[in-house]
Amino acid sequence: MLDRLYPDIERMTGTCGPLNAFLDLAQIPVAHTQSGPLAGLRLAVKDIYD
């Protein structure tokens, strides 16, 4: 469904690793700015709790 709503969204690559650190689920776009010191950077967050 999100693919139809946001066809140009970039997808994270490498979701299938030996540690299963990330799930291969649809991503939700987050509002961001095109300028500033953090423009163009990405961040991945993973909890360490079971």
N, C-alpha and C. Protein backbone atom coordinates (compact mmCIF):
# COMPACT_ATOMS: atom_id res chain seq x y z
N MET A 1 0.82 -1.19 0.00
CA MET A 1 0.00 0.00 0.00
C MET A 1 0.87 1.27 0.00
N LEU A 2 1.90 1.30 0.84
CA LEU A 2 2.76 2.48 0.88
C LEU A 2 3.49 2.68 -0.44
N ASP A 3 3.77 1.59 -1.15
CA ASP A 3 4.44 1.71 -2.45
C ASP A 3 3.59 2.52 -3.42
N ARG A 4 2.28 2.37 -3.32
CA ARG A 4 1.40 3.13 -4.21
C ARG A 4 1.29 4.59 -3.77
N LEU A 5 1.32 4.83 -2.47
CA LEU A 5 1.22 6.20 -1.96
C LEU A 5 2.51 6.98 -2.15
N TYR A 6 3.65 6.30 -2.02
CA TYR A 6 4.96 6.94 -2.09
C TYR A 6 5.86 6.17 -3.06
N PRO A 7 5.59 6.27 -4.37
CA PRO A 7 6.35 5.45 -5.33
C PRO A 7 7.82 5.83 -5.45
N ASP A 8 8.19 7.05 -5.08
CA ASP A 8 9.58 7.50 -5.24
C ASP A 8 10.41 7.37 -3.98
N ILE A 9 9.86 6.76 -2.93
CA ILE A 9 10.60 6.64 -1.67
C ILE A 9 11.79 5.71 -1.83
N GLU A 10 12.91 6.08 -1.24
CA GLU A 10 14.10 5.23 -1.28
C GLU A 10 13.96 4.13 -0.23
N ARG A 11 14.41 2.97 -0.56
CA ARG A 11 14.33 1.82 0.34
C ARG A 11 15.69 1.53 0.96
N MET A 12 15.67 1.07 2.19
CA MET A 12 16.90 0.67 2.85
C MET A 12 17.36 -0.65 2.23
N THR A 13 18.63 -0.80 1.98
CA THR A 13 19.15 -2.04 1.43
C THR A 13 19.82 -2.85 2.54
N GLY A 14 20.01 -4.09 2.31
CA GLY A 14 20.71 -4.94 3.26
C GLY A 14 19.90 -5.31 4.48
N THR A 15 18.61 -5.59 4.31
CA THR A 15 17.77 -5.93 5.46
C THR A 15 17.89 -7.39 5.86
N CYS A 16 18.51 -8.20 5.04
CA CYS A 16 18.65 -9.63 5.35
C CYS A 16 20.11 -9.93 5.67
N GLY A 17 20.49 -9.79 6.92
CA GLY A 17 21.86 -10.06 7.33
C GLY A 17 21.91 -11.22 8.30
N PRO A 18 23.09 -11.67 8.65
CA PRO A 18 23.23 -12.82 9.55
C PRO A 18 22.71 -12.54 10.96
N LEU A 19 22.62 -11.28 11.36
CA LEU A 19 22.15 -10.96 12.71
C LEU A 19 20.67 -10.60 12.75
N ASN A 20 20.01 -10.52 11.59
CA ASN A 20 18.59 -10.13 11.52
C ASN A 20 18.35 -8.83 12.27
N ALA A 21 19.22 -7.84 12.06
CA ALA A 21 19.13 -6.58 12.79
C ALA A 21 17.97 -5.71 12.33
N PHE A 22 17.53 -5.86 11.09
CA PHE A 22 16.46 -5.03 10.57
C PHE A 22 15.38 -5.90 9.94
N LEU A 23 14.14 -5.45 10.02
CA LEU A 23 13.02 -6.16 9.41
C LEU A 23 12.78 -5.61 8.02
N ASP A 24 12.37 -6.47 7.12
CA ASP A 24 12.09 -6.08 5.74
C ASP A 24 10.63 -5.64 5.64
N LEU A 25 10.32 -4.49 6.24
CA LEU A 25 8.97 -3.94 6.24
C LEU A 25 8.94 -2.64 5.45
N ALA A 26 7.73 -2.23 5.08
CA ALA A 26 7.59 -0.96 4.36
C ALA A 26 8.07 0.19 5.24
N GLN A 27 8.74 1.15 4.64
CA GLN A 27 9.21 2.32 5.37
C GLN A 27 8.20 3.44 5.25
N ILE A 28 8.14 4.27 6.26
CA ILE A 28 7.23 5.41 6.28
C ILE A 28 8.07 6.68 6.11
N PRO A 29 7.71 7.53 5.16
CA PRO A 29 8.50 8.73 4.95
C PRO A 29 8.41 9.68 6.14
N VAL A 30 9.51 10.35 6.42
CA VAL A 30 9.59 11.32 7.51
C VAL A 30 9.95 12.67 6.91
N ALA A 31 9.25 13.71 7.33
CA ALA A 31 9.55 15.05 6.81
C ALA A 31 10.99 15.42 7.15
N HIS A 32 11.67 16.05 6.20
CA HIS A 32 13.06 16.44 6.40
C HIS A 32 13.35 17.72 5.63
N THR A 33 14.49 18.29 5.88
CA THR A 33 14.90 19.52 5.21
C THR A 33 15.95 19.21 4.15
N GLN A 34 16.05 20.07 3.18
CA GLN A 34 17.03 19.90 2.10
C GLN A 34 18.33 20.64 2.37
N SER A 35 18.39 21.40 3.46
CA SER A 35 19.60 22.16 3.75
C SER A 35 19.93 22.06 5.24
N GLY A 36 21.15 22.44 5.58
CA GLY A 36 21.58 22.40 6.97
C GLY A 36 22.69 21.38 7.17
N PRO A 37 23.28 21.35 8.36
CA PRO A 37 24.44 20.48 8.60
C PRO A 37 24.13 18.99 8.56
N LEU A 38 22.89 18.60 8.75
CA LEU A 38 22.54 17.18 8.74
C LEU A 38 21.83 16.76 7.45
N ALA A 39 21.67 17.66 6.51
CA ALA A 39 20.98 17.35 5.26
C ALA A 39 21.69 16.21 4.53
N GLY A 40 20.92 15.25 4.07
CA GLY A 40 21.47 14.13 3.31
C GLY A 40 21.98 12.98 4.15
N LEU A 41 22.02 13.13 5.46
CA LEU A 41 22.48 12.04 6.33
C LEU A 41 21.34 11.11 6.67
N ARG A 42 21.66 9.87 7.01
CA ARG A 42 20.67 8.87 7.39
C ARG A 42 21.09 8.25 8.71
N LEU A 43 20.12 7.70 9.42
CA LEU A 43 20.38 7.09 10.70
C LEU A 43 19.52 5.84 10.83
N ALA A 44 20.10 4.78 11.33
CA ALA A 44 19.35 3.56 11.62
C ALA A 44 19.44 3.32 13.12
N VAL A 45 18.31 3.02 13.74
CA VAL A 45 18.26 2.79 15.18
C VAL A 45 17.72 1.40 15.43
N LYS A 46 18.39 0.66 16.27
CA LYS A 46 17.96 -0.70 16.61
C LYS A 46 18.05 -0.87 18.11
N ASP A 47 16.98 -1.36 18.72
CA ASP A 47 17.04 -1.60 20.16
C ASP A 47 17.86 -2.85 20.45
N ILE A 48 18.32 -2.98 21.68
CA ILE A 48 19.13 -4.15 22.06
C ILE A 48 18.43 -5.00 23.11
N TYR A 49 17.14 -4.79 23.26
CA TYR A 49 16.38 -5.53 24.27
C TYR A 49 15.62 -6.68 23.64
N ASP A 50 15.57 -7.79 24.32
CA ASP A 50 14.77 -8.93 23.85
C ASP A 50 13.45 -8.98 24.57
